[in-house]
N, C-alpha and C. Protein backbone atom coordinates (compact mmCIF):
# COMPACT_ATOMS: atom_id res chain seq x y z
N UNK A 1 116.20 105.79 86.63
CA UNK A 1 115.08 104.87 86.56
C UNK A 1 115.57 103.56 85.93
N UNK A 2 115.12 102.48 86.51
CA UNK A 2 115.45 101.16 86.01
C UNK A 2 114.33 100.72 85.05
N UNK A 3 114.69 100.33 83.83
CA UNK A 3 113.70 99.92 82.84
C UNK A 3 113.95 98.47 82.46
N UNK A 4 112.91 97.65 82.59
CA UNK A 4 112.99 96.24 82.21
C UNK A 4 112.03 96.02 81.04
N UNK A 5 112.55 95.51 79.93
CA UNK A 5 111.74 95.31 78.73
C UNK A 5 111.75 93.83 78.37
N UNK A 6 110.56 93.30 78.13
CA UNK A 6 110.48 91.89 77.72
C UNK A 6 109.47 91.75 76.59
N UNK A 7 109.71 90.76 75.73
CA UNK A 7 108.81 90.48 74.63
C UNK A 7 108.02 89.23 74.93
N UNK A 8 106.79 89.19 74.47
CA UNK A 8 105.93 88.05 74.70
C UNK A 8 105.30 87.67 73.36
N UNK A 9 105.59 86.48 72.89
CA UNK A 9 105.04 86.03 71.61
C UNK A 9 105.69 86.68 70.41
N UNK A 10 106.86 87.24 70.60
CA UNK A 10 107.58 87.91 69.52
C UNK A 10 109.06 87.99 69.86
N UNK A 11 109.86 88.28 68.85
CA UNK A 11 111.28 88.46 69.06
C UNK A 11 111.54 89.93 69.38
N UNK A 12 112.25 90.18 70.45
CA UNK A 12 112.56 91.55 70.86
C UNK A 12 113.88 91.96 70.21
N UNK A 13 113.78 92.79 69.18
CA UNK A 13 114.98 93.23 68.46
C UNK A 13 115.68 94.34 69.23
N UNK A 14 116.98 94.49 69.03
CA UNK A 14 117.70 95.59 69.71
C UNK A 14 117.15 96.97 69.36
N UNK A 15 116.69 97.16 68.12
CA UNK A 15 116.14 98.46 67.71
C UNK A 15 114.84 98.74 68.46
N UNK A 16 113.99 97.74 68.60
CA UNK A 16 112.72 97.90 69.30
C UNK A 16 112.97 98.16 70.79
N UNK A 17 113.92 97.45 71.35
CA UNK A 17 114.27 97.63 72.77
C UNK A 17 114.81 99.04 73.01
N UNK A 18 115.69 99.51 72.13
CA UNK A 18 116.26 100.85 72.27
C UNK A 18 115.16 101.92 72.14
N UNK A 19 114.22 101.72 71.22
CA UNK A 19 113.13 102.67 71.02
C UNK A 19 112.26 102.75 72.27
N UNK A 20 111.93 101.59 72.84
CA UNK A 20 111.10 101.56 74.05
C UNK A 20 111.83 102.23 75.22
N UNK A 21 113.12 101.95 75.38
CA UNK A 21 113.91 102.56 76.46
C UNK A 21 113.95 104.08 76.31
N UNK A 22 114.12 104.54 75.08
CA UNK A 22 114.18 105.98 74.82
C UNK A 22 112.86 106.66 75.18
N UNK A 23 111.74 106.08 74.70
CA UNK A 23 110.43 106.68 74.94
C UNK A 23 110.05 106.65 76.42
N UNK A 24 110.25 105.53 77.09
CA UNK A 24 109.89 105.41 78.50
C UNK A 24 110.83 106.26 79.35
N UNK A 25 112.11 106.34 78.97
CA UNK A 25 113.08 107.15 79.70
C UNK A 25 112.74 108.63 79.68
N UNK A 26 112.10 109.10 78.60
CA UNK A 26 111.72 110.51 78.51
C UNK A 26 110.63 110.89 79.51
N UNK A 27 109.94 109.92 80.07
CA UNK A 27 108.86 110.22 81.02
C UNK A 27 109.40 110.81 82.32
N UNK A 28 110.70 110.66 82.57
CA UNK A 28 111.29 111.27 83.77
C UNK A 28 111.25 112.79 83.71
N UNK A 29 111.05 113.36 82.53
CA UNK A 29 110.92 114.81 82.40
C UNK A 29 109.65 115.31 83.10
N UNK A 30 108.63 114.47 83.15
CA UNK A 30 107.35 114.86 83.73
C UNK A 30 107.26 114.57 85.21
N UNK A 31 107.96 113.52 85.66
CA UNK A 31 107.97 113.18 87.08
C UNK A 31 109.30 112.50 87.38
N UNK A 32 110.10 113.13 88.22
CA UNK A 32 111.47 112.68 88.44
C UNK A 32 111.58 111.48 89.37
N UNK A 33 110.57 111.20 90.16
CA UNK A 33 110.67 110.14 91.16
C UNK A 33 110.11 108.81 90.68
N UNK A 34 110.46 108.42 89.46
CA UNK A 34 110.07 107.11 88.95
C UNK A 34 111.16 106.13 89.35
N UNK A 35 110.78 105.10 90.08
CA UNK A 35 111.76 104.14 90.57
C UNK A 35 112.12 103.12 89.50
N UNK A 36 111.10 102.46 88.95
CA UNK A 36 111.37 101.50 87.89
C UNK A 36 110.16 101.37 86.99
N UNK A 37 110.42 100.81 85.80
CA UNK A 37 109.35 100.59 84.82
C UNK A 37 109.53 99.21 84.21
N UNK A 38 108.43 98.48 84.08
CA UNK A 38 108.45 97.19 83.42
C UNK A 38 107.60 97.30 82.16
N UNK A 39 108.20 96.98 81.03
CA UNK A 39 107.53 97.09 79.73
C UNK A 39 107.38 95.69 79.15
N UNK A 40 106.16 95.34 78.75
CA UNK A 40 105.90 94.07 78.09
C UNK A 40 105.36 94.36 76.71
N UNK A 41 106.06 93.88 75.70
CA UNK A 41 105.64 94.04 74.31
C UNK A 41 105.08 92.70 73.85
N UNK A 42 103.82 92.71 73.43
CA UNK A 42 103.10 91.47 73.18
C UNK A 42 102.51 91.46 71.77
N UNK A 43 102.64 90.33 71.10
CA UNK A 43 102.02 90.13 69.80
C UNK A 43 100.83 89.21 70.00
N UNK A 44 99.63 89.78 70.05
CA UNK A 44 98.42 88.99 70.30
C UNK A 44 97.71 88.71 68.98
N UNK A 45 97.19 87.54 68.89
CA UNK A 45 96.47 87.15 67.66
C UNK A 45 94.98 87.37 67.89
N UNK A 46 94.50 88.52 67.42
CA UNK A 46 93.09 88.87 67.55
C UNK A 46 92.50 89.08 66.16
N UNK A 47 91.20 89.20 66.11
CA UNK A 47 90.53 89.42 64.82
C UNK A 47 90.81 90.82 64.28
N UNK A 48 90.98 91.78 65.18
CA UNK A 48 91.24 93.15 64.77
C UNK A 48 92.73 93.30 64.45
N UNK A 49 93.06 93.39 63.19
CA UNK A 49 94.46 93.45 62.76
C UNK A 49 95.15 94.70 63.29
N UNK A 50 94.39 95.78 63.46
CA UNK A 50 94.98 97.04 63.91
C UNK A 50 95.28 97.06 65.40
N UNK A 51 94.88 96.03 66.12
CA UNK A 51 95.10 95.99 67.57
C UNK A 51 95.89 94.76 68.00
N UNK A 52 96.73 94.21 67.13
CA UNK A 52 97.47 93.00 67.47
C UNK A 52 98.74 93.28 68.26
N UNK A 53 99.34 94.42 68.06
CA UNK A 53 100.59 94.75 68.75
C UNK A 53 100.26 95.54 70.01
N UNK A 54 100.60 94.98 71.16
CA UNK A 54 100.20 95.56 72.45
C UNK A 54 101.45 95.89 73.28
N UNK A 55 101.44 97.09 73.86
CA UNK A 55 102.50 97.52 74.78
C UNK A 55 101.87 97.76 76.15
N UNK A 56 102.39 97.10 77.16
CA UNK A 56 101.91 97.27 78.54
C UNK A 56 103.07 97.79 79.38
N UNK A 57 102.79 98.79 80.21
CA UNK A 57 103.83 99.37 81.05
C UNK A 57 103.30 99.50 82.48
N UNK A 58 104.12 99.08 83.44
CA UNK A 58 103.85 99.30 84.86
C UNK A 58 105.01 100.13 85.40
N UNK A 59 104.68 101.25 86.05
CA UNK A 59 105.71 102.13 86.60
C UNK A 59 105.51 102.28 88.10
N UNK A 60 106.59 102.16 88.84
CA UNK A 60 106.56 102.38 90.28
C UNK A 60 107.16 103.75 90.54
N UNK A 61 106.36 104.60 91.20
CA UNK A 61 106.80 105.96 91.49
C UNK A 61 106.84 106.15 93.00
N UNK A 62 107.51 107.20 93.42
CA UNK A 62 107.63 107.49 94.85
C UNK A 62 106.24 107.67 95.45
N UNK A 63 106.09 107.25 96.67
CA UNK A 63 104.80 107.35 97.33
C UNK A 63 104.01 106.07 97.22
N UNK A 64 104.70 104.96 96.93
CA UNK A 64 104.07 103.64 96.84
C UNK A 64 102.92 103.62 95.85
N UNK A 65 103.13 104.20 94.71
CA UNK A 65 102.10 104.29 93.68
C UNK A 65 102.57 103.54 92.44
N UNK A 66 101.67 102.75 91.86
CA UNK A 66 101.96 102.05 90.62
C UNK A 66 101.05 102.63 89.54
N UNK A 67 101.64 103.01 88.43
CA UNK A 67 100.89 103.56 87.31
C UNK A 67 101.01 102.55 86.17
N UNK A 68 99.85 102.16 85.64
CA UNK A 68 99.82 101.16 84.57
C UNK A 68 99.09 101.71 83.36
N UNK A 69 99.55 101.26 82.19
CA UNK A 69 98.87 101.62 80.95
C UNK A 69 99.07 100.50 79.93
N UNK A 70 98.05 100.28 79.12
CA UNK A 70 98.10 99.30 78.05
C UNK A 70 97.50 99.92 76.81
N UNK A 71 98.22 99.82 75.72
CA UNK A 71 97.72 100.36 74.44
C UNK A 71 98.08 99.38 73.32
N UNK A 72 97.25 99.37 72.29
CA UNK A 72 97.46 98.50 71.14
C UNK A 72 97.52 99.33 69.88
N UNK A 73 98.29 98.84 68.91
CA UNK A 73 98.42 99.56 67.65
C UNK A 73 98.68 98.62 66.49
N UNK A 74 98.80 99.20 65.31
CA UNK A 74 99.06 98.41 64.11
C UNK A 74 100.44 97.79 64.13
N UNK A 75 101.42 98.56 64.57
CA UNK A 75 102.76 98.01 64.74
C UNK A 75 103.25 98.35 66.15
N UNK A 76 104.34 97.73 66.55
CA UNK A 76 104.80 97.87 67.92
C UNK A 76 105.27 99.29 68.23
N UNK A 77 105.85 99.97 67.26
CA UNK A 77 106.30 101.34 67.48
C UNK A 77 105.11 102.26 67.78
N UNK A 78 104.01 102.06 67.06
CA UNK A 78 102.81 102.87 67.31
C UNK A 78 102.24 102.57 68.69
N UNK A 79 102.26 101.29 69.09
CA UNK A 79 101.76 100.91 70.41
C UNK A 79 102.60 101.55 71.51
N UNK A 80 103.91 101.60 71.32
CA UNK A 80 104.80 102.23 72.30
C UNK A 80 104.51 103.73 72.39
N UNK A 81 104.30 104.37 71.24
CA UNK A 81 103.97 105.80 71.25
C UNK A 81 102.66 106.05 71.99
N UNK A 82 101.65 105.22 71.74
CA UNK A 82 100.35 105.41 72.39
C UNK A 82 100.44 105.20 73.90
N UNK A 83 101.16 104.18 74.33
CA UNK A 83 101.26 103.91 75.77
C UNK A 83 102.09 105.00 76.45
N UNK A 84 103.05 105.56 75.76
CA UNK A 84 103.85 106.65 76.32
C UNK A 84 102.98 107.89 76.55
N UNK A 85 102.11 108.20 75.59
CA UNK A 85 101.21 109.34 75.75
C UNK A 85 100.25 109.13 76.92
N UNK A 86 99.72 107.91 77.05
CA UNK A 86 98.82 107.60 78.16
C UNK A 86 99.54 107.75 79.51
N UNK A 87 100.76 107.25 79.59
CA UNK A 87 101.54 107.37 80.83
C UNK A 87 101.87 108.82 81.14
N UNK A 88 102.14 109.60 80.11
CA UNK A 88 102.44 111.02 80.30
C UNK A 88 101.26 111.72 80.96
N UNK A 89 100.05 111.45 80.47
CA UNK A 89 98.86 112.05 81.06
C UNK A 89 98.66 111.61 82.51
N UNK A 90 98.85 110.33 82.77
CA UNK A 90 98.68 109.82 84.13
C UNK A 90 99.72 110.41 85.08
N UNK A 91 100.97 110.55 84.62
CA UNK A 91 102.01 111.14 85.46
C UNK A 91 101.73 112.61 85.76
N UNK A 92 101.26 113.36 84.76
CA UNK A 92 100.91 114.76 84.99
C UNK A 92 99.81 114.88 86.04
N UNK A 93 98.79 114.04 85.92
CA UNK A 93 97.69 114.06 86.88
C UNK A 93 98.17 113.70 88.28
N UNK A 94 99.01 112.68 88.39
CA UNK A 94 99.55 112.27 89.68
C UNK A 94 100.41 113.37 90.30
N UNK A 95 101.23 114.01 89.47
CA UNK A 95 102.10 115.08 89.96
C UNK A 95 101.28 116.27 90.45
N UNK A 96 100.24 116.65 89.70
CA UNK A 96 99.38 117.76 90.12
C UNK A 96 98.72 117.46 91.47
N UNK A 97 98.21 116.25 91.64
CA UNK A 97 97.61 115.86 92.92
C UNK A 97 98.63 115.92 94.04
N UNK A 98 99.82 115.41 93.76
CA UNK A 98 100.90 115.37 94.76
C UNK A 98 101.28 116.78 95.19
N UNK A 99 101.44 117.69 94.24
CA UNK A 99 101.82 119.08 94.54
C UNK A 99 100.72 119.78 95.34
N UNK A 100 99.46 119.57 94.94
CA UNK A 100 98.34 120.20 95.66
C UNK A 100 98.27 119.71 97.10
N UNK A 101 98.49 118.42 97.32
CA UNK A 101 98.48 117.89 98.68
C UNK A 101 99.60 118.48 99.53
N UNK A 102 100.79 118.60 98.97
CA UNK A 102 101.91 119.18 99.70
C UNK A 102 101.65 120.64 100.05
N UNK A 103 101.08 121.38 99.11
CA UNK A 103 100.78 122.79 99.37
C UNK A 103 99.71 122.93 100.45
N UNK A 104 98.70 122.05 100.40
CA UNK A 104 97.64 122.11 101.41
C UNK A 104 98.22 121.80 102.79
N UNK A 105 99.10 120.81 102.87
CA UNK A 105 99.72 120.48 104.15
C UNK A 105 100.56 121.63 104.67
N UNK A 106 101.29 122.29 103.79
CA UNK A 106 102.12 123.43 104.20
C UNK A 106 101.26 124.58 104.69
N UNK A 107 100.14 124.84 104.03
CA UNK A 107 99.23 125.90 104.46
C UNK A 107 98.65 125.60 105.85
N UNK A 108 98.31 124.34 106.10
CA UNK A 108 97.78 123.96 107.41
C UNK A 108 98.82 124.17 108.50
N UNK A 109 100.06 123.84 108.22
CA UNK A 109 101.13 124.03 109.21
C UNK A 109 101.33 125.52 109.47
N UNK A 110 101.32 126.34 108.42
CA UNK A 110 101.47 127.79 108.60
C UNK A 110 100.33 128.35 109.44
N UNK A 111 99.12 127.89 109.16
CA UNK A 111 97.95 128.36 109.90
C UNK A 111 98.07 127.98 111.38
N UNK A 112 98.52 126.78 111.67
CA UNK A 112 98.70 126.34 113.05
C UNK A 112 99.79 127.15 113.76
N UNK A 113 100.86 127.46 113.04
CA UNK A 113 101.94 128.24 113.64
C UNK A 113 101.49 129.67 113.94
N UNK A 114 100.63 130.23 113.10
CA UNK A 114 100.14 131.59 113.35
C UNK A 114 99.24 131.65 114.57
N UNK A 115 98.46 130.63 114.80
CA UNK A 115 97.53 130.63 115.93
C UNK A 115 98.18 130.16 117.23
N UNK A 116 99.33 129.54 117.13
CA UNK A 116 100.01 129.05 118.33
C UNK A 116 100.64 130.23 119.08
N UNK A 117 100.29 130.36 120.36
CA UNK A 117 100.87 131.42 121.20
C UNK A 117 101.46 130.75 122.44
N UNK A 118 102.75 130.82 122.57
CA UNK A 118 103.36 130.19 123.75
C UNK A 118 103.03 130.96 125.02
N UNK A 119 102.79 130.23 126.08
CA UNK A 119 102.49 130.89 127.37
C UNK A 119 103.80 131.15 128.09
N UNK A 120 103.89 132.32 128.69
CA UNK A 120 105.10 132.71 129.43
C UNK A 120 104.91 132.65 130.89
């Protein structure tokens, strides 16, 4: 998986970049067909101090599907943890749907093959 990390309104330190790469890279355990991920770490100036650090992730997965998540936290590490958990849930749901569709298609093909009788 290709991971692109950028900072917006803040300095992107090597430690923060490595942490984000590690957390986002672990998502391949849940769904192996992730093509690329774009991570934007943003320092927004809002009234709510606990929601100033924002992590946004867009992931492109096989099947022309884009999965997006945005989470905010007190510090950037917490925001990355929160967005990773959100993406994990979305990937599990997508994978379950994908597997169910493949199984349904396979059952339909088996059913058609059982009813097909070649004429001699």
